[in-house]
Amino acid sequence: QVQLAESGGGLVQAGGSLRLSCASSGRSFSVYALAWFRQAPGKEREFVAAISWSAESTNYADSVKGRFIISRDNAKNTVYLQMDNLKPEDTAAYYCASGRLRYGYASSSSAEYAYWGQGTQVTVSS
């Protein structure tokens, strides 16, 4: 069983930065692809970023390209989301997810991730 725990959310002004972390307590962290999704009030959950299990592939939603960077540290069983130049429309609960995907695949589909964290709130004020 894989358990994920997000941290690092908070309140920030537009143009500011935050770094989210997601720690995994499960085994074989290094062979799981990892992703971040977000959900704003009244909206559906949407893809933000993903990284393949070997970290050679990343995938980003168009809305965050050039502003967010996903990375992973397999020695620490942790995935990160560095968020720069934050905008009010980035306000949402952010969730990390993990799944056993094929080599080099960083999926944007929530259906391909079997394990999910509880989420961390990011609020960007204008």
N, C-alpha and C. Protein backbone atom coordinates (compact mmCIF):
# COMPACT_ATOMS: atom_id res chain seq x y z
N GLN A 1 0.84 -1.18 0.00
CA GLN A 1 0.00 0.00 0.00
C GLN A 1 0.89 1.25 0.00
N VAL A 2 0.54 2.20 -0.83
CA VAL A 2 1.28 3.46 -0.93
C VAL A 2 0.47 4.55 -0.25
N GLN A 3 1.12 5.30 0.60
CA GLN A 3 0.47 6.45 1.22
C GLN A 3 1.25 7.70 0.85
N LEU A 4 0.51 8.75 0.51
CA LEU A 4 1.10 10.01 0.08
C LEU A 4 0.64 11.13 0.99
N ALA A 5 1.56 12.03 1.31
CA ALA A 5 1.23 13.15 2.19
C ALA A 5 1.82 14.43 1.62
N GLU A 6 0.94 15.36 1.25
CA GLU A 6 1.38 16.63 0.70
C GLU A 6 1.65 17.65 1.80
N SER A 7 2.53 18.59 1.49
CA SER A 7 2.79 19.71 2.40
C SER A 7 3.28 20.88 1.58
N GLY A 8 3.32 22.05 2.22
CA GLY A 8 3.88 23.22 1.56
C GLY A 8 2.88 24.23 1.03
N GLY A 9 1.60 23.90 1.14
CA GLY A 9 0.60 24.86 0.69
C GLY A 9 0.51 26.06 1.61
N GLY A 10 -0.24 27.07 1.16
CA GLY A 10 -0.41 28.25 1.99
C GLY A 10 -0.98 29.40 1.20
N LEU A 11 -0.90 30.58 1.80
CA LEU A 11 -1.40 31.81 1.19
C LEU A 11 -0.22 32.61 0.67
N VAL A 12 -0.31 33.05 -0.57
CA VAL A 12 0.77 33.82 -1.19
C VAL A 12 0.17 34.87 -2.10
N GLN A 13 0.88 35.96 -2.26
CA GLN A 13 0.41 37.00 -3.17
C GLN A 13 0.73 36.64 -4.61
N ALA A 14 -0.04 37.18 -5.51
CA ALA A 14 0.21 36.96 -6.93
C ALA A 14 1.64 37.36 -7.27
N GLY A 15 2.28 36.53 -8.08
CA GLY A 15 3.68 36.74 -8.42
C GLY A 15 4.64 36.04 -7.50
N GLY A 16 4.15 35.51 -6.40
CA GLY A 16 4.99 34.81 -5.44
C GLY A 16 5.23 33.36 -5.81
N SER A 17 5.92 32.66 -4.91
CA SER A 17 6.31 31.27 -5.15
C SER A 17 5.97 30.40 -3.95
N LEU A 18 5.73 29.14 -4.25
CA LEU A 18 5.58 28.11 -3.22
C LEU A 18 6.21 26.84 -3.76
N ARG A 19 6.66 25.98 -2.84
CA ARG A 19 7.12 24.66 -3.23
C ARG A 19 6.33 23.62 -2.46
N LEU A 20 5.60 22.82 -3.19
CA LEU A 20 4.86 21.72 -2.60
C LEU A 20 5.73 20.47 -2.55
N SER A 21 5.54 19.70 -1.50
CA SER A 21 6.23 18.42 -1.37
C SER A 21 5.20 17.32 -1.16
N CYS A 22 5.54 16.14 -1.59
CA CYS A 22 4.67 14.98 -1.38
C CYS A 22 5.57 13.80 -1.02
N ALA A 23 5.43 13.33 0.19
CA ALA A 23 6.24 12.22 0.68
C ALA A 23 5.45 10.93 0.59
N SER A 24 6.13 9.89 0.15
CA SER A 24 5.49 8.58 0.03
C SER A 24 6.03 7.64 1.09
N SER A 25 5.13 6.89 1.68
CA SER A 25 5.55 5.92 2.69
C SER A 25 5.61 4.50 2.14
N GLY A 26 5.25 4.34 0.84
CA GLY A 26 5.21 3.02 0.28
C GLY A 26 6.56 2.52 -0.19
N ARG A 27 6.59 1.26 -0.57
CA ARG A 27 7.81 0.68 -1.11
C ARG A 27 7.92 0.99 -2.60
N SER A 28 9.09 0.79 -3.12
CA SER A 28 9.32 0.90 -4.56
C SER A 28 8.93 2.24 -5.13
N PHE A 29 9.16 3.30 -4.37
CA PHE A 29 8.82 4.65 -4.83
C PHE A 29 9.44 4.93 -6.18
N SER A 30 10.65 4.45 -6.41
CA SER A 30 11.39 4.82 -7.62
C SER A 30 10.77 4.27 -8.89
N VAL A 31 9.85 3.31 -8.79
CA VAL A 31 9.26 2.76 -10.01
C VAL A 31 7.84 3.27 -10.24
N TYR A 32 7.44 4.29 -9.48
CA TYR A 32 6.12 4.88 -9.66
C TYR A 32 6.25 6.23 -10.38
N ALA A 33 5.41 6.42 -11.37
CA ALA A 33 5.26 7.76 -11.93
C ALA A 33 4.49 8.60 -10.91
N LEU A 34 4.73 9.89 -10.93
CA LEU A 34 4.12 10.79 -9.97
C LEU A 34 3.51 11.98 -10.68
N ALA A 35 2.47 12.52 -10.09
CA ALA A 35 1.79 13.64 -10.73
C ALA A 35 1.17 14.56 -9.68
N TRP A 36 0.90 15.76 -10.11
CA TRP A 36 0.14 16.72 -9.31
C TRP A 36 -1.13 17.08 -10.08
N PHE A 37 -2.22 17.10 -9.36
CA PHE A 37 -3.50 17.57 -9.87
C PHE A 37 -4.01 18.65 -8.92
N ARG A 38 -4.98 19.41 -9.37
CA ARG A 38 -5.57 20.43 -8.51
C ARG A 38 -7.06 20.52 -8.74
N GLN A 39 -7.74 21.01 -7.73
CA GLN A 39 -9.19 21.18 -7.84
C GLN A 39 -9.59 22.46 -7.13
N ALA A 40 -10.18 23.36 -7.90
CA ALA A 40 -10.69 24.61 -7.35
C ALA A 40 -12.16 24.42 -6.98
N PRO A 41 -12.68 25.23 -6.07
CA PRO A 41 -14.08 25.10 -5.67
C PRO A 41 -15.01 25.19 -6.86
N GLY A 42 -15.92 24.23 -6.97
CA GLY A 42 -16.90 24.24 -8.03
C GLY A 42 -16.38 23.77 -9.38
N LYS A 43 -15.13 23.32 -9.41
CA LYS A 43 -14.55 22.87 -10.68
C LYS A 43 -14.08 21.43 -10.56
N GLU A 44 -13.88 20.81 -11.71
CA GLU A 44 -13.38 19.44 -11.73
C GLU A 44 -11.88 19.43 -11.46
N ARG A 45 -11.42 18.28 -10.97
CA ARG A 45 -10.00 18.11 -10.75
C ARG A 45 -9.29 18.17 -12.11
N GLU A 46 -8.15 18.87 -12.15
CA GLU A 46 -7.42 19.00 -13.40
C GLU A 46 -5.95 18.66 -13.21
N PHE A 47 -5.37 18.22 -14.29
CA PHE A 47 -3.95 17.85 -14.32
C PHE A 47 -3.08 19.10 -14.23
N VAL A 48 -1.97 18.97 -13.49
CA VAL A 48 -1.00 20.06 -13.39
C VAL A 48 0.35 19.65 -13.98
N ALA A 49 0.93 18.57 -13.47
CA ALA A 49 2.25 18.15 -13.91
C ALA A 49 2.46 16.69 -13.56
N ALA A 50 3.34 16.03 -14.32
CA ALA A 50 3.67 14.63 -14.05
C ALA A 50 5.13 14.38 -14.38
N ILE A 51 5.69 13.36 -13.74
CA ILE A 51 7.07 12.96 -13.99
C ILE A 51 7.13 11.45 -14.02
N SER A 52 7.84 10.91 -14.99
CA SER A 52 7.95 9.46 -15.12
C SER A 52 8.79 8.88 -13.98
N TRP A 53 8.73 7.56 -13.83
CA TRP A 53 9.40 6.98 -12.67
C TRP A 53 10.91 7.11 -12.75
N SER A 54 11.46 7.20 -13.95
CA SER A 54 12.90 7.37 -14.08
C SER A 54 13.28 8.83 -14.23
N ALA A 55 12.29 9.71 -14.19
CA ALA A 55 12.48 11.17 -14.23
C ALA A 55 12.98 11.70 -15.56
N GLU A 56 13.01 10.87 -16.60
CA GLU A 56 13.50 11.39 -17.88
C GLU A 56 12.41 12.09 -18.68
N SER A 57 11.15 11.94 -18.23
CA SER A 57 10.04 12.60 -18.93
C SER A 57 9.21 13.39 -17.95
N THR A 58 8.83 14.59 -18.36
CA THR A 58 7.89 15.40 -17.59
C THR A 58 6.78 15.88 -18.52
N ASN A 59 5.68 16.27 -17.92
CA ASN A 59 4.50 16.68 -18.67
C ASN A 59 3.82 17.77 -17.87
N TYR A 60 3.40 18.84 -18.53
CA TYR A 60 2.79 19.96 -17.84
C TYR A 60 1.50 20.40 -18.54
N ALA A 61 0.57 20.86 -17.75
CA ALA A 61 -0.60 21.51 -18.32
C ALA A 61 -0.16 22.83 -18.95
N ASP A 62 -0.81 23.22 -20.02
CA ASP A 62 -0.43 24.46 -20.70
C ASP A 62 -0.50 25.66 -19.76
N SER A 63 -1.43 25.62 -18.84
CA SER A 63 -1.64 26.77 -17.95
C SER A 63 -0.49 27.00 -16.98
N VAL A 64 0.37 26.00 -16.79
CA VAL A 64 1.47 26.15 -15.82
C VAL A 64 2.85 26.06 -16.47
N LYS A 65 2.91 25.78 -17.75
CA LYS A 65 4.21 25.67 -18.43
C LYS A 65 5.00 26.96 -18.28
N GLY A 66 6.27 26.81 -17.95
CA GLY A 66 7.13 27.98 -17.77
C GLY A 66 7.07 28.59 -16.39
N ARG A 67 6.10 28.12 -15.56
CA ARG A 67 5.97 28.67 -14.20
C ARG A 67 6.17 27.59 -13.13
N PHE A 68 5.78 26.37 -13.41
CA PHE A 68 5.87 25.25 -12.45
C PHE A 68 6.91 24.25 -12.93
N ILE A 69 7.59 23.64 -11.96
CA ILE A 69 8.56 22.58 -12.26
C ILE A 69 8.31 21.41 -11.31
N ILE A 70 8.15 20.23 -11.88
CA ILE A 70 8.00 19.01 -11.08
C ILE A 70 9.35 18.31 -11.03
N SER A 71 9.68 17.76 -9.87
CA SER A 71 10.93 17.02 -9.72
C SER A 71 10.71 15.94 -8.67
N ARG A 72 11.65 15.03 -8.60
CA ARG A 72 11.54 13.95 -7.62
C ARG A 72 12.90 13.62 -7.05
N ASP A 73 12.90 13.16 -5.81
CA ASP A 73 14.10 12.70 -5.14
C ASP A 73 13.80 11.30 -4.65
N ASN A 74 14.26 10.31 -5.38
CA ASN A 74 13.94 8.93 -5.03
C ASN A 74 14.59 8.51 -3.72
N ALA A 75 15.70 9.11 -3.37
CA ALA A 75 16.35 8.78 -2.10
C ALA A 75 15.51 9.22 -0.91
N LYS A 76 14.69 10.25 -1.12
CA LYS A 76 13.83 10.76 -0.05
C LYS A 76 12.37 10.37 -0.23
N ASN A 77 12.09 9.58 -1.27
CA ASN A 77 10.70 9.18 -1.56
C ASN A 77 9.77 10.40 -1.62
N THR A 78 10.22 11.43 -2.30
CA THR A 78 9.49 12.69 -2.32
C THR A 78 9.43 13.27 -3.73
N VAL A 79 8.27 13.82 -4.05
CA VAL A 79 8.10 14.56 -5.30
C VAL A 79 7.80 16.01 -4.93
N TYR A 80 8.27 16.92 -5.75
CA TYR A 80 8.12 18.34 -5.48
C TYR A 80 7.40 19.04 -6.64
N LEU A 81 6.78 20.14 -6.31
CA LEU A 81 6.22 21.02 -7.33
C LEU A 81 6.63 22.44 -6.97
N GLN A 82 7.59 22.96 -7.72
CA GLN A 82 8.02 24.35 -7.54
C GLN A 82 7.09 25.23 -8.37
N MET A 83 6.44 26.16 -7.70
CA MET A 83 5.46 27.02 -8.37
C MET A 83 5.92 28.46 -8.26
N ASP A 84 6.21 29.06 -9.39
CA ASP A 84 6.66 30.45 -9.45
C ASP A 84 5.65 31.29 -10.20
N ASN A 85 5.74 32.60 -10.01
CA ASN A 85 4.85 33.53 -10.68
C ASN A 85 3.39 33.09 -10.52
N LEU A 86 3.00 32.82 -9.31
CA LEU A 86 1.66 32.31 -9.05
C LEU A 86 0.60 33.36 -9.39
N LYS A 87 -0.54 32.86 -9.85
CA LYS A 87 -1.66 33.70 -10.24
C LYS A 87 -2.89 33.33 -9.41
N PRO A 88 -3.82 34.26 -9.27
CA PRO A 88 -5.04 33.92 -8.51
C PRO A 88 -5.75 32.68 -9.04
N GLU A 89 -5.68 32.44 -10.34
CA GLU A 89 -6.34 31.26 -10.90
C GLU A 89 -5.64 29.96 -10.55
N ASP A 90 -4.48 30.03 -9.91
CA ASP A 90 -3.82 28.83 -9.41
C ASP A 90 -4.38 28.38 -8.06
N THR A 91 -5.25 29.19 -7.48
CA THR A 91 -5.86 28.84 -6.20
C THR A 91 -6.65 27.54 -6.32
N ALA A 92 -6.31 26.57 -5.49
CA ALA A 92 -6.95 25.26 -5.54
C ALA A 92 -6.37 24.38 -4.44
N ALA A 93 -7.01 23.25 -4.23
CA ALA A 93 -6.40 22.18 -3.44
C ALA A 93 -5.53 21.37 -4.39
N TYR A 94 -4.30 21.12 -3.99
CA TYR A 94 -3.34 20.40 -4.84
C TYR A 94 -3.14 18.99 -4.28
N TYR A 95 -3.22 18.02 -5.17
CA TYR A 95 -3.11 16.62 -4.80
C TYR A 95 -1.96 15.96 -5.54
N CYS A 96 -1.18 15.16 -4.85
CA CYS A 96 -0.20 14.34 -5.55
C CYS A 96 -0.77 12.93 -5.73
N ALA A 97 -0.27 12.27 -6.76
CA ALA A 97 -0.75 10.94 -7.11
C ALA A 97 0.40 10.11 -7.63
N SER A 98 0.31 8.80 -7.44
CA SER A 98 1.35 7.92 -7.96
C SER A 98 0.72 6.71 -8.64
N GLY A 99 1.44 6.16 -9.59
CA GLY A 99 0.94 5.00 -10.31
C GLY A 99 2.05 4.26 -11.03
N ARG A 100 1.82 2.97 -11.26
CA ARG A 100 2.80 2.15 -11.98
C ARG A 100 2.54 2.29 -13.47
N LEU A 101 3.29 3.15 -14.12
CA LEU A 101 3.14 3.39 -15.55
C LEU A 101 4.36 2.84 -16.29
N ARG A 102 4.22 2.72 -17.59
CA ARG A 102 5.33 2.16 -18.36
C ARG A 102 6.50 3.15 -18.36
N TYR A 103 7.65 2.62 -18.70
CA TYR A 103 8.88 3.40 -18.71
C TYR A 103 8.73 4.66 -19.53
N GLY A 104 9.14 5.77 -18.96
CA GLY A 104 9.18 7.03 -19.70
C GLY A 104 7.85 7.73 -19.85
N TYR A 105 6.82 7.22 -19.19
CA TYR A 105 5.48 7.76 -19.39
C TYR A 105 5.09 8.64 -18.22
N ALA A 106 4.69 9.86 -18.53
CA ALA A 106 4.25 10.81 -17.51
C ALA A 106 2.83 11.23 -17.88
N SER A 107 1.87 10.44 -17.46
CA SER A 107 0.49 10.60 -17.89
C SER A 107 -0.19 11.80 -17.27
N SER A 108 -1.09 12.41 -18.04
CA SER A 108 -1.92 13.50 -17.55
C SER A 108 -3.31 13.02 -17.13
N SER A 109 -3.55 11.73 -17.24
CA SER A 109 -4.86 11.17 -16.92
C SER A 109 -4.95 10.72 -15.48
N SER A 110 -5.90 11.25 -14.74
CA SER A 110 -6.05 10.87 -13.34
C SER A 110 -6.39 9.39 -13.19
N ALA A 111 -7.00 8.79 -14.20
CA ALA A 111 -7.40 7.38 -14.13
C ALA A 111 -6.21 6.45 -14.05
N GLU A 112 -5.04 6.91 -14.42
CA GLU A 112 -3.85 6.04 -14.44
C GLU A 112 -3.07 6.07 -13.14
N TYR A 113 -3.55 6.85 -12.18
CA TYR A 113 -2.86 6.94 -10.90
C TYR A 113 -3.72 6.29 -9.82
N ALA A 114 -3.14 5.30 -9.17
CA ALA A 114 -3.90 4.49 -8.22
C ALA A 114 -3.91 5.07 -6.81
N TYR A 115 -2.91 5.84 -6.48
CA TYR A 115 -2.77 6.32 -5.10
C TYR A 115 -2.79 7.85 -5.07
N TRP A 116 -3.47 8.37 -4.06
CA TRP A 116 -3.67 9.81 -3.96
C TRP A 116 -3.45 10.28 -2.53
N GLY A 117 -2.92 11.51 -2.43
CA GLY A 117 -2.80 12.14 -1.12
C GLY A 117 -4.08 12.86 -0.76
N GLN A 118 -4.08 13.47 0.42
CA GLN A 118 -5.26 14.17 0.92
C GLN A 118 -5.36 15.60 0.44
N GLY A 119 -4.29 16.13 -0.10
CA GLY A 119 -4.33 17.48 -0.67
C GLY A 119 -3.77 18.54 0.26
N THR A 120 -3.30 19.61 -0.35
CA THR A 120 -2.84 20.77 0.39
C THR A 120 -3.37 22.02 -0.33
N GLN A 121 -3.84 22.98 0.45
CA GLN A 121 -4.49 24.16 -0.13
C GLN A 121 -3.47 25.22 -0.51
N VAL A 122 -3.63 25.73 -1.73
CA VAL A 122 -2.84 26.87 -2.20
C VAL A 122 -3.81 28.01 -2.51
N THR A 123 -3.58 29.14 -1.90
CA THR A 123 -4.43 30.31 -2.14
C THR A 123 -3.54 31.46 -2.58
N VAL A 124 -3.87 32.03 -3.75
CA VAL A 124 -3.10 33.13 -4.31
C VAL A 124 -3.98 34.37 -4.31
N SER A 125 -3.55 35.38 -3.60
CA SER A 125 -4.33 36.61 -3.52
C SER A 125 -3.86 37.59 -4.59
N SER A 126 -4.80 38.40 -5.05
CA SER A 126 -4.47 39.36 -6.10
C SER A 126 -4.01 40.68 -5.53
